[in-house]
Protein backbone atom coordinates (compact mmCIF):
# COMPACT_ATOMS: atom_id res chain seq x y z
CA MET A 1 -0.08 0.09 -0.34
CA THR A 2 0.93 3.57 -1.48
CA SER A 3 1.18 6.57 1.31
CA ILE A 4 -1.87 9.22 1.26
CA PRO A 5 -2.39 12.48 3.69
CA ASP A 6 -3.28 12.80 6.97
CA ASP A 7 -6.97 12.19 7.67
CA PRO A 8 -7.85 15.00 9.69
CA GLN A 9 -10.59 13.21 11.41
CA ARG A 10 -9.39 10.34 11.99
CA GLY A 11 -5.58 8.59 12.04
CA PRO A 12 -2.43 9.47 11.29
CA ALA A 13 -2.09 9.04 7.41
CA GLN A 14 0.03 5.41 6.46
CA HIS A 15 -1.69 3.32 3.87
CA ALA A 16 -3.92 3.73 1.11
CA HIS A 17 -7.72 3.22 0.73
CA PRO A 18 -10.77 4.84 -0.63
CA LYS A 19 -12.55 7.87 0.78
CA SER A 20 -14.81 5.81 2.60
CA ASP A 21 -15.49 3.23 5.48
CA ILE A 22 -17.85 1.48 3.35
CA GLU A 23 -15.44 1.65 0.06
CA ILE A 24 -12.39 -0.40 2.32
CA ALA A 25 -14.55 -3.28 2.85
CA ARG A 26 -15.69 -3.70 -1.23
CA ALA A 27 -12.41 -3.24 -1.87
CA ALA A 28 -11.06 -6.15 0.58
CA THR A 29 -10.72 -10.13 -0.80
CA LEU A 30 -12.95 -11.50 1.85
CA GLN A 31 -11.70 -15.87 2.20
CA PRO A 32 -13.89 -18.12 2.32
CA ILE A 33 -15.82 -19.01 5.40
CA ALA A 34 -14.81 -22.33 5.41
CA THR A 35 -11.02 -21.01 5.00
CA ILE A 36 -12.07 -18.92 8.39
CA ALA A 37 -13.79 -21.60 10.37
CA GLU A 38 -10.50 -23.64 9.41
CA ARG A 39 -8.40 -21.36 11.78
CA LEU A 40 -10.21 -22.25 14.42
CA ASP A 41 -10.59 -26.24 13.74
CA ILE A 42 -14.51 -25.78 12.78
CA PRO A 43 -15.24 -28.85 11.16
CA GLU A 44 -16.66 -28.35 7.96
CA ASP A 45 -20.03 -30.10 8.87
CA ALA A 46 -20.38 -27.34 12.10
CA VAL A 47 -20.52 -24.86 9.28
CA GLU A 48 -24.04 -23.46 8.12
CA PRO A 49 -23.37 -20.90 5.36
CA TYR A 50 -24.92 -17.68 4.96
CA GLY A 51 -23.85 -17.46 1.23
CA ARG A 52 -19.84 -17.44 0.63
CA ASN A 53 -18.92 -14.66 3.29
CA LYS A 54 -20.48 -15.54 6.90
CA ALA A 55 -21.99 -18.82 8.35
CA LYS A 56 -23.98 -20.62 11.89
CA ILE A 57 -22.13 -22.27 13.71
CA GLY A 58 -23.69 -25.84 14.10
CA LEU A 59 -25.03 -26.27 17.88
CA ASP A 60 -23.90 -30.04 18.50
CA PHE A 61 -20.13 -28.22 18.26
CA VAL A 62 -21.30 -25.32 20.10
CA LYS A 63 -21.85 -27.46 22.92
CA ALA A 64 -18.49 -29.37 22.13
CA ALA A 65 -16.68 -26.56 22.34
CA THR A 66 -17.83 -24.73 25.17
CA GLY A 67 -16.59 -27.50 26.78
CA ARG A 68 -13.58 -27.34 26.29
CA PRO A 69 -10.79 -25.70 28.59
CA ARG A 70 -10.62 -21.92 27.90
CA GLY A 71 -8.42 -19.36 26.59
CA LYS A 72 -7.64 -16.02 27.98
CA LEU A 73 -10.88 -13.38 27.49
CA ILE A 74 -10.20 -9.80 26.82
CA LEU A 75 -12.37 -6.85 27.22
CA VAL A 76 -12.63 -3.86 25.63
CA THR A 77 -14.41 -0.88 26.76
CA ALA A 78 -14.12 2.94 26.75
CA ILE A 79 -14.65 6.42 28.41
CA SER A 80 -17.63 8.07 28.46
CA PRO A 81 -19.09 8.79 24.79
CA THR A 82 -18.71 11.66 23.16
CA PRO A 83 -19.29 13.34 19.61
CA ALA A 84 -15.54 13.34 19.39
CA GLY A 85 -15.35 9.59 18.88
CA GLU A 86 -13.39 7.21 20.75
CA GLY A 87 -13.21 3.66 18.81
CA LYS A 88 -14.44 0.55 20.35
CA THR A 89 -15.12 -1.34 17.99
CA THR A 90 -12.30 -0.33 15.42
CA THR A 91 -9.89 -1.30 18.45
CA THR A 92 -11.60 -4.19 19.42
CA VAL A 93 -10.69 -5.83 15.93
CA GLY A 94 -7.52 -4.14 15.32
CA LEU A 95 -6.32 -5.59 18.91
CA GLY A 96 -7.59 -8.79 17.71
CA ASP A 97 -5.62 -9.02 14.09
CA ALA A 98 -3.02 -7.79 15.77
CA MET A 99 -3.15 -10.65 18.58
CA ASN A 100 -2.83 -12.87 15.40
CA ARG A 101 0.36 -11.36 13.96
CA ILE A 102 1.95 -11.69 16.76
CA GLY A 103 1.34 -15.49 16.53
CA ARG A 104 -1.59 -15.86 19.64
CA ARG A 105 -4.37 -18.21 18.19
CA THR A 106 -7.01 -15.03 18.71
CA ALA A 107 -11.18 -15.01 18.38
CA ILE A 108 -13.22 -12.03 18.71
CA CYS A 109 -15.85 -11.85 19.53
CA LEU A 110 -18.71 -8.50 18.98
CA ARG A 111 -22.37 -7.68 18.96
CA GLU A 112 -24.48 -7.11 15.65
CA PRO A 113 -25.38 -3.95 14.73
CA SER A 114 -29.31 -2.47 15.04
CA LEU A 115 -30.78 -1.42 12.83
CA GLY A 116 -32.34 1.71 14.58
CA PRO A 117 -28.77 3.11 14.69
CA CYS A 118 -27.51 2.54 11.93
CA PHE A 119 -30.47 4.35 9.88
CA GLY A 120 -30.67 7.06 13.39
CA VAL A 121 -27.60 8.24 13.78
CA LYS A 122 -24.66 6.39 13.49
CA GLY A 123 -24.66 4.23 9.49
CA GLY A 124 -23.21 1.43 10.70
CA ALA A 125 -21.57 -0.51 13.29
CA ALA A 126 -18.92 -3.02 12.19
CA GLY A 127 -15.63 -1.00 13.12
CA GLY A 128 -13.91 1.33 10.35
CA GLY A 129 -10.79 2.08 8.18
CA PHE A 130 -8.71 -0.77 8.06
CA ALA A 131 -10.19 -2.20 11.42
CA GLN A 132 -13.75 -3.67 9.94
CA VAL A 133 -15.56 -6.47 10.06
CA VAL A 134 -16.75 -7.94 7.06
CA PRO A 135 -19.31 -8.32 5.19
CA MET A 136 -19.63 -4.98 5.99
CA GLU A 137 -23.05 -4.75 4.39
CA ASP A 138 -23.99 -7.35 5.11
CA ILE A 139 -23.60 -7.14 8.91
CA ASN A 140 -25.47 -3.86 9.05
CA LEU A 141 -28.44 -4.90 6.73
CA HIS A 142 -30.37 -8.14 8.65
CA PHE A 143 -27.15 -10.03 8.21
CA THR A 144 -28.51 -13.82 9.46
CA GLY A 145 -32.14 -12.88 10.38
CA ASP A 146 -31.62 -12.89 14.16
CA PHE A 147 -32.81 -9.52 14.98
CA HIS A 148 -36.11 -10.28 12.95
CA ALA A 149 -36.44 -14.00 14.63
CA ILE A 150 -35.87 -12.22 17.83
CA SER A 151 -38.80 -9.51 16.86
CA ALA A 152 -41.38 -12.32 15.96
CA ALA A 153 -40.69 -14.48 18.89
CA HIS A 154 -41.20 -11.20 21.30
CA ASN A 155 -44.34 -9.95 18.96
CA LEU A 156 -46.10 -13.42 19.08
CA LEU A 157 -45.99 -13.08 22.54
CA ALA A 158 -47.37 -10.02 22.68
CA ALA A 159 -50.24 -11.41 20.07
CA MET A 160 -50.67 -14.35 22.26
CA VAL A 161 -51.41 -12.28 25.70
CA ASP A 162 -54.47 -9.97 23.91
CA ASN A 163 -55.88 -12.97 21.90
CA HIS A 164 -56.16 -14.93 25.59
CA ILE A 165 -57.77 -11.70 27.24
CA TYR A 166 -60.53 -11.63 23.83
CA TRP A 167 -61.11 -15.56 24.17
CA GLY A 168 -62.55 -15.13 28.03
CA ASN A 169 -58.81 -14.43 29.70
CA THR A 170 -58.86 -17.64 32.09
CA LEU A 171 -55.73 -16.36 33.53
CA ASP A 172 -57.99 -13.81 35.14
CA ILE A 173 -54.68 -11.20 33.25
CA ASP A 174 -55.55 -7.46 34.72
CA PRO A 175 -55.08 -5.53 31.19
CA ARG A 176 -54.28 -2.59 33.67
CA ARG A 177 -51.06 -4.68 34.48
CA VAL A 178 -49.67 -5.84 31.06
CA ALA A 179 -46.16 -5.40 31.43
CA TRP A 180 -45.25 -6.78 27.91
CA LYS A 181 -44.46 -4.33 25.47
CA ARG A 182 -43.86 -4.70 21.42
CA VAL A 183 -41.19 -4.09 20.32
CA VAL A 184 -39.32 -2.99 16.61
CA ASP A 185 -35.82 -2.90 15.04
CA MET A 186 -36.26 1.20 14.01
CA ASN A 187 -36.51 4.15 16.32
CA ASP A 188 -39.75 5.58 16.28
CA ARG A 189 -40.33 7.69 18.83
CA ALA A 190 -44.73 7.92 17.90
CA LEU A 191 -44.56 4.45 18.92
CA ARG A 192 -44.07 5.05 22.94
CA GLU A 193 -47.00 4.93 24.46
CA ILE A 194 -49.92 3.53 22.15
CA VAL A 195 -53.76 2.36 22.36
CA SER A 196 -54.25 -0.90 20.91
CA SER A 197 -57.33 -3.01 20.33
CA LEU A 198 -59.02 -0.01 18.82
CA GLY A 199 -61.91 -0.57 16.32
CA GLY A 200 -65.05 -1.73 17.68
CA ILE A 201 -64.95 -5.91 19.94
CA ALA A 202 -64.08 -7.32 16.90
CA ASN A 203 -60.65 -6.05 17.42
CA GLY A 204 -60.20 -6.76 21.71
CA PHE A 205 -60.58 -4.66 24.34
CA PRO A 206 -58.75 -1.18 24.12
CA ARG A 207 -55.45 -0.37 26.56
CA GLU A 208 -52.91 1.37 26.61
CA ASP A 209 -49.84 -0.07 25.75
CA GLY A 210 -46.15 0.74 23.39
CA PHE A 211 -43.42 -0.20 21.56
CA ASP A 212 -39.44 -0.92 22.44
CA ILE A 213 -36.60 -1.19 20.16
CA THR A 214 -35.77 -4.83 20.15
CA VAL A 215 -32.27 -4.53 21.64
CA ALA A 216 -34.21 -3.71 24.71
CA SER A 217 -36.13 -7.00 24.33
CA GLU A 218 -36.33 -9.08 27.41
CA VAL A 219 -36.15 -12.23 24.29
CA MET A 220 -32.60 -10.70 23.00
CA ALA A 221 -31.29 -10.55 26.55
CA ILE A 222 -32.51 -14.34 27.10
CA LEU A 223 -30.91 -15.17 23.40
CA CYS A 224 -27.44 -13.32 24.55
CA LEU A 225 -27.83 -15.12 27.93
CA ALA A 226 -28.97 -18.27 27.80
CA SER A 227 -26.42 -21.21 27.45
CA ASP A 228 -27.67 -23.67 25.10
CA VAL A 229 -31.41 -24.34 23.77
CA ALA A 230 -32.13 -26.11 27.35
CA ASP A 231 -31.78 -22.97 29.07
CA LEU A 232 -32.94 -20.81 26.27
CA LYS A 233 -36.26 -22.81 26.48
CA ALA A 234 -36.44 -22.31 30.18
CA ARG A 235 -35.68 -18.59 30.20
CA LEU A 236 -38.11 -18.35 28.00
CA GLY A 237 -40.67 -19.87 29.82
CA ARG A 238 -40.23 -17.43 32.70
CA ILE A 239 -40.74 -14.61 30.98
CA VAL A 240 -43.66 -11.88 33.21
CA VAL A 241 -45.44 -10.55 31.18
CA GLY A 242 -48.33 -9.53 33.46
CA PHE A 243 -50.09 -9.94 36.45
CA ARG A 244 -53.70 -10.96 37.58
CA ARG A 245 -56.12 -9.59 39.47
CA ASP A 246 -54.72 -10.52 42.89
CA LEU A 247 -51.54 -9.49 41.36
CA SER A 248 -49.76 -13.04 41.11
CA PRO A 249 -47.29 -12.54 37.77
CA VAL A 250 -48.14 -14.70 34.75
CA THR A 251 -45.57 -16.26 32.75
CA ALA A 252 -44.99 -17.18 28.98
CA ARG A 253 -45.28 -20.80 30.31
CA ASP A 254 -48.56 -19.91 31.44
CA LEU A 255 -50.07 -18.98 27.97
CA ASN A 256 -48.12 -22.34 26.47
CA ALA A 257 -46.12 -19.24 24.51
CA ASP A 258 -42.13 -20.43 25.67
CA GLY A 259 -42.41 -23.33 22.69
CA ALA A 260 -43.40 -21.41 19.88
CA MET A 261 -41.39 -18.86 20.52
CA ALA A 262 -38.01 -21.22 20.57
CA VAL A 263 -38.98 -22.32 17.04
CA LEU A 264 -38.73 -18.75 16.15
CA LEU A 265 -35.60 -18.94 18.18
CA LYS A 266 -33.96 -21.94 16.01
CA ASP A 267 -31.63 -20.44 13.65
CA ALA A 268 -31.32 -17.24 16.05
CA ILE A 269 -29.23 -18.68 18.63
CA LYS A 270 -26.99 -20.59 16.82
CA PRO A 271 -23.46 -17.92 17.30
CA ASN A 272 -22.53 -16.61 13.27
CA LEU A 273 -18.97 -16.80 12.38
CA VAL A 274 -17.44 -13.89 9.83
CA GLN A 275 -14.38 -12.15 9.09
CA THR A 276 -11.89 -9.24 9.90
CA LEU A 277 -10.16 -7.51 6.51
CA GLU A 278 -7.05 -9.62 7.59
CA GLY A 279 -8.85 -12.46 8.36
CA SER A 280 -9.73 -12.96 11.96
CA PRO A 281 -12.32 -14.97 13.07
CA THR A 282 -15.09 -13.56 14.17
CA LEU A 283 -17.96 -14.41 16.26
CA VAL A 284 -20.89 -11.45 15.71
CA HIS A 285 -23.77 -12.78 17.50
CA GLY A 286 -26.50 -10.88 19.88
CA GLY A 287 -26.71 -6.62 19.95
CA PRO A 288 -28.42 -5.29 23.39
CA PHE A 289 -27.59 -1.61 23.78
CA ALA A 290 -25.64 -1.15 27.02
CA ASN A 291 -27.37 1.99 28.13
CA ILE A 292 -31.08 0.48 28.16
CA ALA A 293 -30.10 -3.43 28.32
CA HIS A 294 -26.91 -4.97 29.05
CA GLY A 295 -24.69 -4.53 26.42
CA CYS A 296 -23.00 -7.16 25.44
CA ASN A 297 -22.95 -10.38 22.62
CA SER A 298 -23.99 -13.83 23.60
CA VAL A 299 -22.31 -16.11 25.79
CA MET A 300 -23.10 -19.18 23.41
CA ALA A 301 -20.20 -17.09 21.31
CA THR A 302 -17.91 -15.98 23.73
CA THR A 303 -17.40 -19.56 25.07
CA THR A 304 -17.73 -21.01 22.30
CA ALA A 305 -14.79 -18.64 21.33
CA LEU A 306 -13.04 -19.45 24.58
CA GLY A 307 -13.39 -23.13 23.16
CA LEU A 308 -11.95 -22.90 20.06
CA ALA A 309 -8.83 -19.93 20.86
CA ASP A 310 -6.08 -19.11 22.91
CA TYR A 311 -7.32 -15.47 23.06
CA VAL A 312 -10.95 -13.89 22.74
CA VAL A 313 -11.35 -10.52 22.43
CA THR A 314 -14.49 -8.87 23.09
CA GLU A 315 -16.40 -5.87 23.99
CA ALA A 316 -19.11 -4.65 25.92
CA GLY A 317 -21.41 -0.97 24.93
CA PHE A 318 -20.57 2.41 25.65
CA GLY A 319 -18.14 3.36 28.95
CA ALA A 320 -17.33 1.29 31.33
CA ASP A 321 -19.69 2.15 33.59
CA LEU A 322 -22.59 0.82 31.60
CA GLY A 323 -20.89 -1.90 29.27
CA ALA A 324 -18.37 -3.15 31.03
CA GLU A 325 -20.46 -2.96 34.76
CA LYS A 326 -23.03 -5.31 33.10
CA PHE A 327 -20.45 -7.59 31.30
CA PHE A 328 -19.04 -8.20 34.85
CA ASP A 329 -22.28 -7.97 37.11
CA ILE A 330 -24.58 -9.42 34.79
CA LYS A 331 -23.05 -11.82 31.78
CA CYS A 332 -19.79 -13.12 33.75
CA ARG A 333 -22.23 -13.80 36.76
CA SER A 334 -24.35 -15.63 35.06
CA ALA A 335 -21.99 -17.42 32.61
CA GLY A 336 -19.83 -17.97 35.11
CA LEU A 337 -17.00 -15.81 33.00
CA ARG A 338 -13.62 -14.58 34.43
CA PRO A 339 -12.18 -11.81 32.40
CA ASP A 340 -8.83 -11.76 32.56
CA CYS A 341 -8.06 -8.01 31.44
CA ALA A 342 -9.85 -5.33 29.90
CA VAL A 343 -8.60 -2.62 27.59
CA VAL A 344 -10.08 0.88 28.37
CA VAL A 345 -9.83 2.77 24.59
CA ALA A 346 -9.97 6.83 24.93
CA THR A 347 -8.78 9.09 22.08
CA ILE A 348 -7.32 12.67 23.24
CA ARG A 349 -9.79 14.65 21.15
CA ALA A 350 -12.63 13.14 23.63
CA LEU A 351 -10.62 13.66 26.55
CA LYS A 352 -10.31 17.23 25.30
CA MET A 353 -14.02 17.62 25.16
CA HIS A 354 -14.70 15.70 28.95
CA GLY A 355 -12.48 18.93 29.86
CA GLY A 356 -14.38 21.23 28.06
CA VAL A 357 -13.32 21.66 24.75
CA ALA A 358 -16.04 22.23 22.07
CA ARG A 359 -15.99 20.07 18.93
CA GLU A 360 -14.98 22.73 16.64
CA ASP A 361 -12.12 22.76 18.58
CA LEU A 362 -11.08 19.93 19.30
CA GLY A 363 -8.06 20.38 16.73
CA GLN A 364 -5.88 22.92 18.66
CA GLU A 365 -3.13 21.62 21.32
CA ASP A 366 -4.88 22.51 24.83
CA VAL A 367 -3.24 20.56 27.42
CA ALA A 368 -4.51 22.04 29.84
CA ALA A 369 -8.58 20.51 28.80
CA LEU A 370 -6.99 17.49 28.12
CA ARG A 371 -5.37 17.18 31.81
CA ARG A 372 -8.90 18.71 32.82
CA GLY A 373 -10.66 15.52 30.74
CA ILE A 374 -8.60 12.61 31.68
CA ALA A 375 -10.79 12.69 35.41
CA ASN A 376 -13.54 10.41 33.27
CA LEU A 377 -10.58 7.81 31.80
CA ALA A 378 -9.43 8.01 36.03
CA ARG A 379 -12.82 6.86 37.30
CA HIS A 380 -13.15 4.25 34.28
CA VAL A 381 -9.55 2.37 35.00
CA GLU A 382 -10.36 2.75 38.77
CA ASN A 383 -13.98 1.34 38.81
CA VAL A 384 -12.41 -1.70 36.40
CA ARG A 385 -9.69 -2.37 38.59
CA GLY A 386 -12.75 -2.32 41.46
CA PHE A 387 -13.11 -5.63 39.53
CA GLY A 388 -10.10 -7.11 40.48
CA VAL A 389 -9.32 -6.97 36.36
CA PRO A 390 -5.87 -5.55 35.07
CA VAL A 391 -6.57 -2.81 32.61
CA VAL A 392 -4.66 -1.68 29.68
CA VAL A 393 -4.63 2.10 27.95
CA ALA A 394 -5.85 2.29 23.88
CA VAL A 395 -5.02 5.57 23.05
CA ASN A 396 -6.79 5.61 19.73
CA ARG A 397 -4.64 7.78 17.65
CA PHE A 398 -5.82 11.05 15.34
CA SER A 399 -3.48 12.93 13.52
CA ALA A 400 -4.41 16.01 14.78
CA ASP A 401 -2.82 14.86 18.33
CA THR A 402 0.22 16.72 18.87
CA GLU A 403 3.47 15.22 21.56
CA ALA A 404 2.79 17.66 24.23
CA GLU A 405 -1.16 16.01 24.53
CA ARG A 406 0.51 12.77 23.90
CA GLU A 407 2.95 13.17 26.74
CA ALA A 408 0.29 14.71 29.33
CA LEU A 409 -1.89 11.56 28.77
CA ARG A 410 1.36 9.10 28.76
CA ASP A 411 2.46 10.87 32.35
CA ALA A 412 -1.55 11.01 33.36
CA CYS A 413 -1.65 6.94 33.18
CA ALA A 414 2.15 6.69 35.01
CA GLU A 415 0.83 7.98 37.67
CA LEU A 416 -2.78 5.91 38.16
CA GLY A 417 -0.26 3.06 37.36
CA VAL A 418 -1.56 1.59 33.70
CA ALA A 419 0.06 2.02 30.63
CA ALA A 420 -0.86 4.20 27.56
CA VAL A 421 -0.50 2.07 24.26
CA ASP A 422 -0.97 4.03 21.09
CA SER A 423 -2.72 2.65 18.44
CA ASP A 424 -3.24 3.10 14.61
CA HIS A 425 -5.31 0.51 14.15
CA TRP A 426 -7.97 2.67 11.78
CA ALA A 427 -5.20 3.63 9.26
CA SER A 428 -2.88 0.37 9.54
CA GLY A 429 -4.94 -2.41 11.03
CA GLY A 430 -3.56 -5.15 13.08
CA GLU A 431 -0.03 -3.73 12.00
CA GLY A 432 -0.90 -0.28 14.23
CA ALA A 433 -2.24 -2.35 16.81
CA GLU A 434 0.47 -4.79 18.16
CA ALA A 435 1.78 -2.75 20.30
CA LEU A 436 -1.32 -3.27 21.93
CA ALA A 437 -1.41 -6.57 22.14
CA HIS A 438 1.99 -7.32 23.03
CA GLN A 439 1.28 -5.31 26.21
CA VAL A 440 -2.15 -6.97 26.41
CA VAL A 441 -0.22 -10.19 26.67
CA GLU A 442 2.29 -8.71 28.57
CA THR A 443 -0.40 -7.72 31.63
CA ILE A 444 -2.22 -10.72 31.39
CA GLY A 445 1.09 -12.66 32.00
CA ALA A 446 2.40 -10.30 34.48
CA SER A 447 -1.10 -9.58 36.43
CA GLN A 448 -3.02 -12.63 37.96
CA ALA A 449 -6.49 -11.22 36.94
CA ASP A 450 -8.83 -11.69 41.00
CA PHE A 451 -12.23 -11.60 39.48
CA GLN A 452 -15.29 -10.48 41.60
CA CYS A 453 -18.82 -8.92 40.56
CA LEU A 454 -19.10 -5.82 42.77
CA TYR A 455 -21.85 -6.88 44.56
CA GLU A 456 -23.66 -10.16 46.25
CA ASP A 457 -26.62 -11.93 45.08
CA ASP A 458 -28.21 -11.48 48.35
CA LEU A 459 -28.07 -7.62 48.65
CA PRO A 460 -31.36 -6.18 48.54
CA LEU A 461 -32.56 -4.74 44.76
CA TRP A 462 -32.72 -0.98 45.98
CA ASP A 463 -28.67 -1.63 47.75
CA LYS A 464 -27.80 -2.88 44.51
CA VAL A 465 -28.61 0.03 42.27
CA GLU A 466 -27.36 2.41 45.47
CA THR A 467 -23.84 0.69 45.30
CA VAL A 468 -23.55 0.97 41.35
CA ALA A 469 -24.58 4.44 41.98
CA ARG A 470 -22.24 5.07 44.12
CA ARG A 471 -19.07 2.95 43.29
CA ILE A 472 -19.34 3.37 39.66
CA TYR A 473 -21.28 6.76 38.97
CA GLY A 474 -19.55 8.43 42.06
CA ALA A 475 -23.07 9.70 43.11
CA ALA A 476 -24.68 10.30 46.82
CA GLY A 477 -27.08 7.61 46.16
CA ILE A 478 -29.97 7.22 44.60
CA ILE A 479 -33.64 8.52 44.62
CA ALA A 480 -37.19 7.53 43.43
CA ASP A 481 -40.71 7.98 44.32
CA ARG A 482 -43.14 5.91 46.33
CA ARG A 483 -44.42 4.26 43.22
CA VAL A 484 -41.00 3.05 43.13
CA LYS A 485 -40.20 2.63 45.82
CA ASP A 486 -43.34 0.22 46.27
CA ARG A 487 -42.08 -1.63 43.57
CA PHE A 488 -38.39 -2.57 44.90
CA GLU A 489 -40.17 -3.79 48.40
CA SER A 490 -42.85 -5.61 45.92
CA LEU A 491 -39.89 -7.22 43.85
CA GLN A 492 -37.93 -8.17 47.12
CA GLU A 493 -41.09 -10.14 48.50
CA SER A 494 -41.91 -11.72 45.46
CA GLY A 495 -38.48 -13.61 45.35
CA TYR A 496 -36.49 -11.30 42.96
CA GLY A 497 -33.84 -10.10 45.45
CA ARG A 498 -31.44 -11.90 44.00
CA LEU A 499 -31.34 -10.80 40.60
CA PRO A 500 -28.47 -8.50 39.92
CA VAL A 501 -29.76 -4.80 38.22
CA CYS A 502 -29.70 -3.36 34.47
CA ILE A 503 -29.43 0.15 34.78
CA ALA A 504 -30.67 2.28 31.62
CA LYS A 505 -28.82 5.48 31.89
CA THR A 506 -27.70 8.08 29.18
CA GLN A 507 -24.56 6.77 28.32
CA TYR A 508 -23.22 10.34 27.43
CA SER A 509 -22.50 11.03 31.67
CA PHE A 510 -21.13 9.00 34.76
CA SER A 511 -24.75 11.30 36.27
CA THR A 512 -28.20 11.22 34.72
CA ASP A 513 -27.74 14.60 32.86
CA PRO A 514 -25.69 14.00 29.26
CA SER A 515 -24.81 17.58 29.53
CA LEU A 516 -22.41 16.30 32.30
CA LYS A 517 -18.95 15.57 30.92
CA GLY A 518 -15.75 14.79 32.71
CA ALA A 519 -16.02 13.07 36.30
CA PRO A 520 -18.98 14.48 38.25
CA SER A 521 -19.78 13.31 41.88
CA GLY A 522 -22.15 13.89 44.34
CA HIS A 523 -25.05 13.59 42.31
CA GLU A 524 -28.02 11.58 42.35
CA ILE A 525 -29.40 9.10 40.15
CA THR A 526 -33.83 9.29 40.05
CA VAL A 527 -34.92 5.52 39.15
CA ARG A 528 -37.39 6.36 37.55
CA GLU A 529 -39.42 3.15 36.74
CA LEU A 530 -37.98 -0.85 37.27
CA ARG A 531 -38.96 -3.87 34.70
CA LEU A 532 -38.74 -7.44 35.40
CA SER A 533 -36.76 -9.03 33.18
CA ALA A 534 -37.82 -12.82 35.23
CA GLY A 535 -36.77 -14.77 32.46
CA ALA A 536 -32.96 -13.10 31.55
CA GLY A 537 -32.75 -12.95 34.88
CA PHE A 538 -32.11 -9.43 35.56
CA VAL A 539 -34.21 -6.32 37.24
CA VAL A 540 -34.51 -3.02 34.79
CA ALA A 541 -34.42 0.11 36.59
CA VAL A 542 -35.00 3.41 34.07
CA CYS A 543 -33.42 5.96 35.60
CA GLY A 544 -33.06 10.17 34.23
CA ASP A 545 -34.84 10.84 31.54
CA MET A 546 -33.55 7.43 29.37
CA MET A 547 -36.19 5.85 26.62
CA THR A 548 -35.99 2.29 25.39
CA MET A 549 -37.18 3.09 22.04
CA PRO A 550 -35.45 5.98 20.73
CA GLY A 551 -36.27 8.28 18.33
CA LEU A 552 -34.24 9.92 15.12
CA PRO A 553 -32.55 12.75 15.00
CA ARG A 554 -33.42 15.57 13.07
CA VAL A 555 -31.57 14.80 10.29
CA PRO A 556 -31.36 10.76 10.10
CA ALA A 557 -29.04 8.76 8.49
CA ALA A 558 -31.39 6.87 6.56
CA GLU A 559 -31.68 10.29 4.60
CA ARG A 560 -28.41 9.90 2.86
CA ILE A 561 -28.04 5.95 2.62
CA THR A 562 -29.69 4.54 -0.99
CA LEU A 563 -28.74 2.40 -3.62
CA ASP A 564 -26.61 2.94 -6.61
CA ASP A 565 -27.64 2.03 -10.24
CA ASP A 566 -26.28 -0.82 -10.04
CA GLY A 567 -27.84 -1.87 -7.10
CA GLY A 568 -24.71 -1.38 -4.43
CA VAL A 569 -25.41 0.22 -0.46
CA ALA A 570 -24.48 3.83 -1.15
CA GLY A 571 -24.18 6.03 2.56
CA LEU A 572 -24.27 3.77 4.88
CA PHE A 573 -20.79 4.26 6.62
């Protein structure tokens, strides 16, 4: 590859490439998916191809792989996100490629993108530059149909709830206490609160209803936390759809819906295998958001990869206060995983934003603002360390970063006792992340992880939420109105007190105010609503103004996405 001019918005100039990420992906020569499978010793009869370049892995092989000795698990997380960009997915991909380049047998595990942000804000979510997972267009647009299957299974249950009420309601479901909304994998604020069954007696009994986005569905969480098919079916059966007039819960199993839901998920539960631009095996499976759900790819994909590779690089959504905390306290707790290292991704640009610099001024050197913004990084580092996991800081480089700023960041990380490693994976692929890979391997070898969850199972639900608020968010505590406090007490008394908590909160701040950058302390976290996810195995605490159905921005990405005259996708990323 030949040199090109610097891209002032991304990384240093090192390699020639087309103008956009999607053009880079199209220019790549992909290897047959069977070749990628061979790199993890997946036999041909366990590979179920979806075209030439993607496949599902058969469940018999998945079961065998999950029973093998496990490799080392590396979590990639990040500082609180800003419009300046952090690059967590690109770092995950670049690190995985780099690990393979230095001779470490490595697999990557990622979440599937949701159509909501693809057509809303992001316009795509499969990495970027020379650190991408491909086929990029397929992954972002329908992929292997998993999200559609999850939506169908979720909405089948919703239909069966209303159908049961229509045909006599022998379970005595209180229509005022139906808790099971419908879902769609698109940002649509108009569906947040609706009234259903209008139009007369033939259409059922009108009641208040609403939609969540598919990635917030409990069925999504169940698919991602299930260890096998039997566990999937058991979890589906435990879903609480509402309550009777005597306030006893009604489950999907009471409605005899769990079997049909499992049938709709029979292919979706199989992990998907794809590749990076450099041919690293990548399992992309499941996709709950971290700001409204638990933010991790599927347990089955992760445990399969751990049985096939010496190292597994995975990510959790948004900043470490959301994705990493939920990865540790929900996914690791549920699956018995013990991570060996965490990589916290930061950029000098984003840290300057946390230090008060406006986005349009980020190209100017400002060491003082950088030092102020490092408070955000410091809290994330200390939070991850609090779980007993050693930390490496990955500095995702941009061409406008100055030597004085880089030195200030290295010095600050040295004071924190963590290594800070520059990484140029966006411009250089795995080659640009080799120093990071060596540091991660060295850290794993030198530091014995002593992983522990943030709280014990028997801590009351209120105290669990408050523990996360105090220890992770730096809050003074949590507050709630009488209705929500009663809900805490009701769930506790009903036997759900041992479940972990999943906090739905803005990703942009440690507080519930997205405008508070840096590392605010002493604020209060308002719990607005509690939702029981009995099948997934956690309680969702909805905080501040967080919505489980996002809306489109003023100018959605959908306005620039189209088909060109040759039938190719344009404007996706």
